[in-house]
Each structure stands twice: as structure tokens, then as C-alpha cells.
């Protein structure tokens, strides 16, 4: 009931994190589900965003649910100071399916220029370029490609260009197009991936998720919710000291 009020307070956000640490399995599920339900509001708050990041790191069984919610509003959340940190964290910690979901939405050609030029969203695009796999990498590169010449004149743009060069050592013009990458993907017998802007398909995927990713029986397990070893080192600094602890606010 008071989740947002406590989690959005300078000191309350720390109290909320300790509640997650010391709760029983059932209590932890109840507390974390409040975070899941209020994700969009919390990630836009100066302190609430830390609570969501904490849940992503420490209670990873709920990561798919938070990633799905973030993906639905990823364009808007990428452009905001605090929520863009959470978007980056989701890109780092999401499953391959979750990363594909998010990067597909970031690859919308009618949105990409605004993201590339935004002081916060450009860091999200850098992170997406770092973690993307085929065919989502090709979707993102296809969206970025027409704007590369104009990006040379901005500090944000030069960082994007550097990230593109790292992912395309032989040159972006020698990369497969998104359509070619999708065709290669489907020839392997894998279902065709969603294309940028297919929010309806994303909604269906989210609806199929089991909240918390576990059954009520599993919640009774004393080890339920324990964090595994981190798969990606958090807090990589793309912006020369931009991040603080826990992926803190951009300066």
C-alpha cells in the first residue's frame, strides 16, 4: 500500500532494500511484487529507481517481469534521467529473450534519431549496441545507419560511432541488413523474431509470463529468490565518470 511512498524516500529506499534482504520467501514475494506493479512510477524517481535496480540484481527471478514492463515504455523511459539507468540495467541483466524484446523496440526507425541525440537515451543505445545479438543487432544498426554522418559533430554521436565500429570491425556497410539477418535466423528453424514496433506481440509475451517466474510452491523453498553470480559486470562507464554506485544518476 505504501510501496511507492517508502521506496521513493531518500531514507525509505534503503529501508525497503533491507526489507527485501531479511524477508521470508513469502514476504519477499509480496514486497517485490509491489515493486513489479509500480515499476514505471518507481524508475522515474530519484530514489525509487535504486529500489528497482536492487530487485533486478538481488531477486533475479522477477527480472523477466520488470524487463517486460520496461520494454513496453522503453522509448519514453530511455529519455529520462533516472529511468534510463534502469533501462541500461535491464539490458545488462535480462535474458537473451528479454534483451531481444528491448532492443527490437529501440530499433524503431521513426524514434532512433531522437534517442541518438538525447543526453540520456544515447547511453541506452550504447548499451544496446554492446549487448545485442543477431538479428536484433542488425535491426539496431539498420536504424542507426542513415544518421551516422550527422552524428560526427556531437560528443554523443562520436561515442555511438565508436560503439558501432567495435561491433562492425569490417564496416557497417558490410553487415547484413535486418531482413537478411532475420531470414538467416529463420532458416535455422527458429521462429521469426518480432520486428520493431510490434507492441501487440510483446503484450502477448508479457501476459504469458508467470509473475515472479516461479510457482507458489517454489516460494516456500528457503533458497527462493537467491541471486546467482552476476553475468555482466554492472556499472561500466561509457561516459567518463557519469555513473555512481548502483548505476547512479547521470551527471
C-alpha atoms as a PDB file:
ATOM      1  CA  UNK A   1       0.000   0.000   0.000  1.00  0.00           C
ATOM      2  CA  UNK A   2       2.843   2.383   0.893  1.00  0.00           C
ATOM      3  CA  UNK A   3       5.382   0.910  -1.534  1.00  0.00           C
ATOM      4  CA  UNK A   4       5.874   3.996  -3.696  1.00  0.00           C
ATOM      5  CA  UNK A   5       5.905   6.372  -0.739  1.00  0.00           C
ATOM      6  CA  UNK A   6       8.605   4.411   1.103  1.00  0.00           C
ATOM      7  CA  UNK A   7      10.684   3.408  -1.917  1.00  0.00           C
ATOM      8  CA  UNK A   8      10.726   6.991  -3.227  1.00  0.00           C
ATOM      9  CA  UNK A   9      12.046   8.482   0.020  1.00  0.00           C
ATOM     10  CA  UNK A  10      15.726   9.319   0.498  1.00  0.00           C
ATOM     11  CA  UNK A  11      15.979   7.025   3.535  1.00  0.00           C
ATOM     12  CA  UNK A  12      12.956   4.857   2.819  1.00  0.00           C
ATOM     13  CA  UNK A  13      14.568   3.365  -0.271  1.00  0.00           C
ATOM     14  CA  UNK A  14      17.322   1.920   1.954  1.00  0.00           C
ATOM     15  CA  UNK A  15      14.750   0.571   4.399  1.00  0.00           C
ATOM     16  CA  UNK A  16      12.878  -1.038   1.505  1.00  0.00           C
ATOM     17  CA  UNK A  17      16.045  -2.775   0.323  1.00  0.00           C
ATOM     18  CA  UNK A  18      16.676  -4.163   3.814  1.00  0.00           C
ATOM     19  CA  UNK A  19      13.097  -5.484   3.857  1.00  0.00           C
ATOM     20  CA  UNK A  20      13.892  -7.404   0.691  1.00  0.00           C
ATOM     21  CA  UNK A  21      17.079  -8.752   2.294  1.00  0.00           C
ATOM     22  CA  UNK A  22      15.538 -10.059   5.505  1.00  0.00           C
ATOM     23  CA  UNK A  23      12.017 -11.068   4.475  1.00  0.00           C
ATOM     24  CA  UNK A  24      10.885 -14.682   4.392  1.00  0.00           C
ATOM     25  CA  UNK A  25      10.298 -16.187   0.951  1.00  0.00           C
ATOM     26  CA  UNK A  26       6.581 -15.414   1.049  1.00  0.00           C
ATOM     27  CA  UNK A  27       7.100 -11.904   2.432  1.00  0.00           C
ATOM     28  CA  UNK A  28       9.777 -11.249  -0.176  1.00  0.00           C
ATOM     29  CA  UNK A  29       7.365 -12.249  -2.920  1.00  0.00           C
ATOM     30  CA  UNK A  30       4.741  -9.832  -1.592  1.00  0.00           C
ATOM     31  CA  UNK A  31       7.213  -6.951  -1.259  1.00  0.00           C
ATOM     32  CA  UNK A  32       8.860  -7.492  -4.630  1.00  0.00           C
ATOM     33  CA  UNK A  33       5.532  -7.828  -6.410  1.00  0.00           C
ATOM     34  CA  UNK A  34       4.669  -4.339  -5.174  1.00  0.00           C
ATOM     35  CA  UNK A  35       7.837  -3.128  -6.896  1.00  0.00           C
ATOM     36  CA  UNK A  36       6.862  -5.001 -10.067  1.00  0.00           C
ATOM     37  CA  UNK A  37       3.383  -3.448 -10.088  1.00  0.00           C
ATOM     38  CA  UNK A  38       4.800   0.063  -9.546  1.00  0.00           C
ATOM     39  CA  UNK A  39       7.849  -0.287 -11.782  1.00  0.00           C
ATOM     40  CA  UNK A  40       7.083   2.539 -14.208  1.00  0.00           C
ATOM     41  CA  UNK A  41       6.469   5.059 -11.435  1.00  0.00           C
ATOM     42  CA  UNK A  42       9.449   3.981  -9.339  1.00  0.00           C
ATOM     43  CA  UNK A  43      12.035   4.023 -12.114  1.00  0.00           C
ATOM     44  CA  UNK A  44      11.314   7.685 -12.808  1.00  0.00           C
ATOM     45  CA  UNK A  45      12.030   8.665  -9.212  1.00  0.00           C
ATOM     46  CA  UNK A  46      15.425   9.802  -7.901  1.00  0.00           C
ATOM     47  CA  UNK A  47      15.372   7.138  -5.170  1.00  0.00           C
ATOM     48  CA  UNK A  48      12.789   4.652  -6.381  1.00  0.00           C
ATOM     49  CA  UNK A  49      14.961   3.741  -9.356  1.00  0.00           C
ATOM     50  CA  UNK A  50      17.560   2.320  -6.964  1.00  0.00           C
ATOM     51  CA  UNK A  51      14.936   0.009  -5.455  1.00  0.00           C
ATOM     52  CA  UNK A  52      14.055  -1.403  -8.872  1.00  0.00           C
ATOM     53  CA  UNK A  53      17.733  -1.880  -9.708  1.00  0.00           C
ATOM     54  CA  UNK A  54      18.238  -3.637  -6.376  1.00  0.00           C
ATOM     55  CA  UNK A  55      15.426  -6.078  -7.108  1.00  0.00           C
ATOM     56  CA  UNK A  56      16.829  -6.772 -10.575  1.00  0.00           C
ATOM     57  CA  UNK A  57      20.212  -7.644  -9.080  1.00  0.00           C
ATOM     58  CA  UNK A  58      19.233  -9.393  -5.852  1.00  0.00           C
ATOM     59  CA  UNK A  59      15.970 -11.160  -6.749  1.00  0.00           C
ATOM     60  CA  UNK A  60      16.594 -12.140 -10.371  1.00  0.00           C
ATOM     61  CA  UNK A  61      13.588 -14.459 -10.671  1.00  0.00           C
ATOM     62  CA  UNK A  62      11.479 -11.291 -11.098  1.00  0.00           C
ATOM     63  CA  UNK A  63      13.737  -9.784 -13.747  1.00  0.00           C
ATOM     64  CA  UNK A  64      11.614 -11.015 -16.704  1.00  0.00           C
ATOM     65  CA  UNK A  65       8.551  -9.255 -15.343  1.00  0.00           C
ATOM     66  CA  UNK A  66      10.335  -5.938 -14.822  1.00  0.00           C
ATOM     67  CA  UNK A  67      12.056  -6.221 -18.210  1.00  0.00           C
ATOM     68  CA  UNK A  68       8.701  -6.808 -19.908  1.00  0.00           C
ATOM     69  CA  UNK A  69       7.188  -3.753 -18.235  1.00  0.00           C
ATOM     70  CA  UNK A  70      10.186  -1.572 -19.078  1.00  0.00           C
ATOM     71  CA  UNK A  71      10.098  -2.761 -22.698  1.00  0.00           C
ATOM     72  CA  UNK A  72       6.545  -1.520 -23.120  1.00  0.00           C
ATOM     73  CA  UNK A  73       7.619   2.073 -22.373  1.00  0.00           C
ATOM     74  CA  UNK A  74      11.290   1.869 -23.306  1.00  0.00           C
ATOM     75  CA  UNK A  75      11.330   4.872 -25.661  1.00  0.00           C
ATOM     76  CA  UNK A  76       9.954   7.269 -23.044  1.00  0.00           C
ATOM     77  CA  UNK A  77      11.913   5.774 -20.128  1.00  0.00           C
ATOM     78  CA  UNK A  78      15.205   5.896 -22.050  1.00  0.00           C
ATOM     79  CA  UNK A  79      14.898   9.691 -22.323  1.00  0.00           C
ATOM     80  CA  UNK A  80      14.580  10.344 -18.598  1.00  0.00           C
ATOM     81  CA  UNK A  81      17.485  10.814 -16.222  1.00  0.00           C
ATOM     82  CA  UNK A  82      16.696   8.203 -13.587  1.00  0.00           C
ATOM     83  CA  UNK A  83      14.729   5.651 -15.570  1.00  0.00           C
ATOM     84  CA  UNK A  84      17.412   5.474 -18.273  1.00  0.00           C
ATOM     85  CA  UNK A  85      19.732   3.945 -15.668  1.00  0.00           C
ATOM     86  CA  UNK A  86      17.188   1.192 -15.057  1.00  0.00           C
ATOM     87  CA  UNK A  87      16.789   0.595 -18.794  1.00  0.00           C
ATOM     88  CA  UNK A  88      20.547   0.063 -19.014  1.00  0.00           C
ATOM     89  CA  UNK A  89      20.466  -2.275 -16.040  1.00  0.00           C
ATOM     90  CA  UNK A  90      17.699  -4.303 -17.670  1.00  0.00           C
ATOM     91  CA  UNK A  91      19.722  -4.576 -20.874  1.00  0.00           C
ATOM     92  CA  UNK A  92      22.643  -5.898 -18.824  1.00  0.00           C
ATOM     93  CA  UNK A  93      20.738  -8.415 -16.733  1.00  0.00           C
ATOM     94  CA  UNK A  94      17.906  -9.557 -18.996  1.00  0.00           C
ATOM     95  CA  UNK A  95      17.773 -12.986 -20.563  1.00  0.00           C
ATOM     96  CA  UNK A  96      18.546 -13.179 -24.314  1.00  0.00           C
ATOM     97  CA  UNK A  97      14.790 -13.103 -24.915  1.00  0.00           C
ATOM     98  CA  UNK A  98      14.409 -10.014 -22.746  1.00  0.00           C
ATOM     99  CA  UNK A  99      17.300  -8.256 -24.449  1.00  0.00           C
ATOM    100  CA  UNK A 100      15.789  -9.049 -27.846  1.00  0.00           C
ATOM    101  CA  UNK A 101      12.453  -7.630 -26.719  1.00  0.00           C
ATOM    102  CA  UNK A 102      14.013  -4.351 -25.570  1.00  0.00           C
ATOM    103  CA  UNK A 103      16.429  -3.862 -28.461  1.00  0.00           C
ATOM    104  CA  UNK A 104      13.714  -4.557 -31.013  1.00  0.00           C
ATOM    105  CA  UNK A 105      11.710  -1.669 -29.584  1.00  0.00           C
ATOM    106  CA  UNK A 106      14.734   0.633 -29.502  1.00  0.00           C
ATOM    107  CA  UNK A 107      15.245  -0.067 -33.213  1.00  0.00           C
ATOM    108  CA  UNK A 108      12.147   1.784 -34.401  1.00  0.00           C
ATOM    109  CA  UNK A 109      13.319   3.931 -37.297  1.00  0.00           C
ATOM    110  CA  UNK A 110      10.931   6.778 -36.520  1.00  0.00           C
ATOM    111  CA  UNK A 111      12.296   7.025 -32.962  1.00  0.00           C
ATOM    112  CA  UNK A 112      16.003   6.298 -33.268  1.00  0.00           C
ATOM    113  CA  UNK A 113      17.284   9.795 -34.159  1.00  0.00           C
ATOM    114  CA  UNK A 114      15.662  11.278 -31.064  1.00  0.00           C
ATOM    115  CA  UNK A 115      17.266   8.576 -28.937  1.00  0.00           C
ATOM    116  CA  UNK A 116      20.688   9.076 -30.504  1.00  0.00           C
ATOM    117  CA  UNK A 117      20.571  12.815 -29.813  1.00  0.00           C
ATOM    118  CA  UNK A 118      19.137  12.593 -26.315  1.00  0.00           C
ATOM    119  CA  UNK A 119      21.575  13.232 -23.414  1.00  0.00           C
ATOM    120  CA  UNK A 120      20.302  10.143 -21.562  1.00  0.00           C
ATOM    121  CA  UNK A 121      18.946   7.822 -24.240  1.00  0.00           C
ATOM    122  CA  UNK A 122      22.211   7.833 -26.192  1.00  0.00           C
ATOM    123  CA  UNK A 123      23.768   5.874 -23.320  1.00  0.00           C
ATOM    124  CA  UNK A 124      20.948   3.348 -23.586  1.00  0.00           C
ATOM    125  CA  UNK A 125      21.721   2.931 -27.295  1.00  0.00           C
ATOM    126  CA  UNK A 126      25.408   2.453 -26.480  1.00  0.00           C
ATOM    127  CA  UNK A 127      24.477  -0.281 -24.016  1.00  0.00           C
ATOM    128  CA  UNK A 128      22.126  -1.889 -26.524  1.00  0.00           C
ATOM    129  CA  UNK A 129      24.914  -1.958 -29.120  1.00  0.00           C
ATOM    130  CA  UNK A 130      27.155  -3.630 -26.563  1.00  0.00           C
ATOM    131  CA  UNK A 131      24.799  -6.481 -25.652  1.00  0.00           C
ATOM    132  CA  UNK A 132      22.786  -7.006 -28.860  1.00  0.00           C
ATOM    133  CA  UNK A 133      22.882 -10.337 -30.690  1.00  0.00           C
ATOM    134  CA  UNK A 134      21.751 -11.142 -34.206  1.00  0.00           C
ATOM    135  CA  UNK A 135      19.233 -10.351 -35.632  1.00  0.00           C
ATOM    136  CA  UNK A 136      18.473  -7.536 -33.151  1.00  0.00           C
ATOM    137  CA  UNK A 137      21.966  -6.106 -33.677  1.00  0.00           C
ATOM    138  CA  UNK A 138      21.249  -5.765 -37.408  1.00  0.00           C
ATOM    139  CA  UNK A 139      17.850  -4.182 -36.679  1.00  0.00           C
ATOM    140  CA  UNK A 140      19.513  -1.577 -34.482  1.00  0.00           C
ATOM    141  CA  UNK A 141      22.322  -0.922 -36.972  1.00  0.00           C
ATOM    142  CA  UNK A 142      19.823  -0.555 -39.813  1.00  0.00           C
ATOM    143  CA  UNK A 143      18.020   2.124 -37.816  1.00  0.00           C
ATOM    144  CA  UNK A 144      21.240   3.949 -36.906  1.00  0.00           C
ATOM    145  CA  UNK A 145      22.980   3.725 -40.304  1.00  0.00           C
ATOM    146  CA  UNK A 146      21.275   6.713 -42.071  1.00  0.00           C
ATOM    147  CA  UNK A 147      22.145   9.029 -39.180  1.00  0.00           C
ATOM    148  CA  UNK A 148      25.838   8.199 -38.769  1.00  0.00           C
ATOM    149  CA  UNK A 149      27.166  11.115 -40.894  1.00  0.00           C
ATOM    150  CA  UNK A 150      25.237  13.639 -38.791  1.00  0.00           C
ATOM    151  CA  UNK A 151      26.474  12.093 -35.546  1.00  0.00           C
ATOM    152  CA  UNK A 152      30.102  13.002 -36.184  1.00  0.00           C
ATOM    153  CA  UNK A 153      29.528  16.553 -34.979  1.00  0.00           C
ATOM    154  CA  UNK A 154      28.402  15.728 -31.435  1.00  0.00           C
ATOM    155  CA  UNK A 155      30.142  14.123 -28.479  1.00  0.00           C
ATOM    156  CA  UNK A 156      27.193  11.764 -28.053  1.00  0.00           C
ATOM    157  CA  UNK A 157      27.371  10.821 -31.705  1.00  0.00           C
ATOM    158  CA  UNK A 158      31.084  10.087 -31.651  1.00  0.00           C
ATOM    159  CA  UNK A 159      30.539   7.641 -28.783  1.00  0.00           C
ATOM    160  CA  UNK A 160      27.802   5.920 -30.766  1.00  0.00           C
ATOM    161  CA  UNK A 161      30.113   5.725 -33.784  1.00  0.00           C
ATOM    162  CA  UNK A 162      32.845   4.190 -31.628  1.00  0.00           C
ATOM    163  CA  UNK A 163      30.445   1.547 -30.356  1.00  0.00           C
ATOM    164  CA  UNK A 164      29.249   0.797 -33.905  1.00  0.00           C
ATOM    165  CA  UNK A 165      32.858   0.392 -35.054  1.00  0.00           C
ATOM    166  CA  UNK A 166      33.531  -2.126 -32.280  1.00  0.00           C
ATOM    167  CA  UNK A 167      30.528  -4.221 -33.311  1.00  0.00           C
ATOM    168  CA  UNK A 168      31.278  -3.844 -37.059  1.00  0.00           C
ATOM    169  CA  UNK A 169      35.062  -4.136 -37.396  1.00  0.00           C
ATOM    170  CA  UNK A 170      34.753  -4.704 -41.150  1.00  0.00           C
ATOM    171  CA  UNK A 171      32.476  -1.681 -41.564  1.00  0.00           C
ATOM    172  CA  UNK A 172      28.753  -1.169 -41.099  1.00  0.00           C
ATOM    173  CA  UNK A 173      28.164  -1.353 -44.855  1.00  0.00           C
ATOM    174  CA  UNK A 174      29.426  -4.943 -44.832  1.00  0.00           C
ATOM    175  CA  UNK A 175      26.918  -6.019 -42.179  1.00  0.00           C
ATOM    176  CA  UNK A 176      23.791  -7.956 -43.097  1.00  0.00           C
ATOM    177  CA  UNK A 177      20.598  -5.943 -43.294  1.00  0.00           C
ATOM    178  CA  UNK A 178      17.896  -6.630 -40.699  1.00  0.00           C
ATOM    179  CA  UNK A 179      15.865  -8.549 -43.300  1.00  0.00           C
ATOM    180  CA  UNK A 180      18.858 -10.707 -44.252  1.00  0.00           C
ATOM    181  CA  UNK A 181      19.660 -11.399 -40.614  1.00  0.00           C
ATOM    182  CA  UNK A 182      16.050 -12.377 -39.875  1.00  0.00           C
ATOM    183  CA  UNK A 183      15.996 -14.672 -42.919  1.00  0.00           C
ATOM    184  CA  UNK A 184      19.191 -16.374 -41.751  1.00  0.00           C
ATOM    185  CA  UNK A 185      17.685 -16.693 -38.281  1.00  0.00           C
ATOM    186  CA  UNK A 186      14.513 -18.391 -39.520  1.00  0.00           C
ATOM    187  CA  UNK A 187      16.439 -20.769 -41.808  1.00  0.00           C
ATOM    188  CA  UNK A 188      17.827 -22.325 -38.647  1.00  0.00           C
ATOM    189  CA  UNK A 189      14.312 -23.418 -37.733  1.00  0.00           C
ATOM    190  CA  UNK A 190      13.889 -20.722 -35.074  1.00  0.00           C
ATOM    191  CA  UNK A 191      10.592 -18.774 -35.045  1.00  0.00           C
ATOM    192  CA  UNK A 192      10.797 -15.427 -36.784  1.00  0.00           C
ATOM    193  CA  UNK A 193      11.674 -12.658 -34.304  1.00  0.00           C
ATOM    194  CA  UNK A 194       9.427  -9.672 -33.737  1.00  0.00           C
ATOM    195  CA  UNK A 195      10.199  -6.594 -35.779  1.00  0.00           C
ATOM    196  CA  UNK A 196      10.474  -3.049 -34.366  1.00  0.00           C
ATOM    197  CA  UNK A 197       7.163  -1.605 -33.228  1.00  0.00           C
ATOM    198  CA  UNK A 198       5.292  -4.894 -32.736  1.00  0.00           C
ATOM    199  CA  UNK A 199       3.863  -3.982 -29.328  1.00  0.00           C
ATOM    200  CA  UNK A 200       0.915  -6.337 -29.703  1.00  0.00           C
ATOM    201  CA  UNK A 201       3.192  -9.347 -29.821  1.00  0.00           C
ATOM    202  CA  UNK A 202       5.124  -8.014 -26.825  1.00  0.00           C
ATOM    203  CA  UNK A 203       1.897  -7.686 -24.830  1.00  0.00           C
ATOM    204  CA  UNK A 204       1.106 -11.337 -25.514  1.00  0.00           C
ATOM    205  CA  UNK A 205       4.556 -12.366 -24.336  1.00  0.00           C
ATOM    206  CA  UNK A 206       4.188 -10.369 -21.132  1.00  0.00           C
ATOM    207  CA  UNK A 207       0.769 -11.872 -20.447  1.00  0.00           C
ATOM    208  CA  UNK A 208       2.307 -15.351 -20.707  1.00  0.00           C
ATOM    209  CA  UNK A 209       4.885 -14.606 -18.021  1.00  0.00           C
ATOM    210  CA  UNK A 210       4.316 -16.100 -14.602  1.00  0.00           C
ATOM    211  CA  UNK A 211       4.756 -13.353 -12.045  1.00  0.00           C
ATOM    212  CA  UNK A 212       7.996 -13.889 -10.237  1.00  0.00           C
ATOM    213  CA  UNK A 213       8.930 -16.632 -12.670  1.00  0.00           C
ATOM    214  CA  UNK A 214       8.187 -19.283 -10.034  1.00  0.00           C
ATOM    215  CA  UNK A 215       5.262 -21.238  -8.653  1.00  0.00           C
ATOM    216  CA  UNK A 216       3.751 -20.607  -5.190  1.00  0.00           C
ATOM    217  CA  UNK A 217       5.256 -23.931  -4.096  1.00  0.00           C
ATOM    218  CA  UNK A 218       8.729 -22.795  -5.087  1.00  0.00           C
ATOM    219  CA  UNK A 219       8.295 -19.668  -2.992  1.00  0.00           C
ATOM    220  CA  UNK A 220       8.310 -21.877   0.110  1.00  0.00           C
ATOM    221  CA  UNK A 221      11.819 -23.060  -0.732  1.00  0.00           C
ATOM    222  CA  UNK A 222      14.266 -21.456   1.743  1.00  0.00           C
ATOM    223  CA  UNK A 223      16.580 -20.669  -1.166  1.00  0.00           C
ATOM    224  CA  UNK A 224      13.876 -18.999  -3.248  1.00  0.00           C
ATOM    225  CA  UNK A 225      14.956 -15.678  -4.733  1.00  0.00           C
ATOM    226  CA  UNK A 226      18.673 -16.048  -4.104  1.00  0.00           C
ATOM    227  CA  UNK A 227      20.810 -14.143  -6.567  1.00  0.00           C
ATOM    228  CA  UNK A 228      23.160 -16.116  -8.840  1.00  0.00           C
ATOM    229  CA  UNK A 229      26.633 -14.976  -9.750  1.00  0.00           C
ATOM    230  CA  UNK A 230      26.302 -11.801 -11.872  1.00  0.00           C
ATOM    231  CA  UNK A 231      26.599 -12.461 -15.609  1.00  0.00           C
ATOM    232  CA  UNK A 232      27.568  -8.919 -16.615  1.00  0.00           C
ATOM    233  CA  UNK A 233      29.740  -6.503 -14.701  1.00  0.00           C
ATOM    234  CA  UNK A 234      27.484  -3.646 -13.658  1.00  0.00           C
ATOM    235  CA  UNK A 235      28.404  -0.002 -13.752  1.00  0.00           C
ATOM    236  CA  UNK A 236      30.607   0.083 -16.860  1.00  0.00           C
ATOM    237  CA  UNK A 237      31.256   3.731 -17.518  1.00  0.00           C
ATOM    238  CA  UNK A 238      30.641   4.822 -21.113  1.00  0.00           C
ATOM    239  CA  UNK A 239      30.599   8.499 -20.237  1.00  0.00           C
ATOM    240  CA  UNK A 240      33.758   9.393 -18.365  1.00  0.00           C
ATOM    241  CA  UNK A 241      32.564   9.118 -14.759  1.00  0.00           C
ATOM    242  CA  UNK A 242      28.869   9.554 -15.470  1.00  0.00           C
ATOM    243  CA  UNK A 243      27.761   6.718 -13.194  1.00  0.00           C
ATOM    244  CA  UNK A 244      27.816   6.476  -9.440  1.00  0.00           C
ATOM    245  CA  UNK A 245      27.332   3.402  -7.305  1.00  0.00           C
ATOM    246  CA  UNK A 246      24.478   1.099  -8.352  1.00  0.00           C
ATOM    247  CA  UNK A 247      24.289   2.764 -11.747  1.00  0.00           C
ATOM    248  CA  UNK A 248      23.628   6.166 -10.221  1.00  0.00           C
ATOM    249  CA  UNK A 249      22.243   9.234 -11.909  1.00  0.00           C
ATOM    250  CA  UNK A 250      23.926  10.689 -14.928  1.00  0.00           C
ATOM    251  CA  UNK A 251      25.768  13.886 -14.316  1.00  0.00           C
END
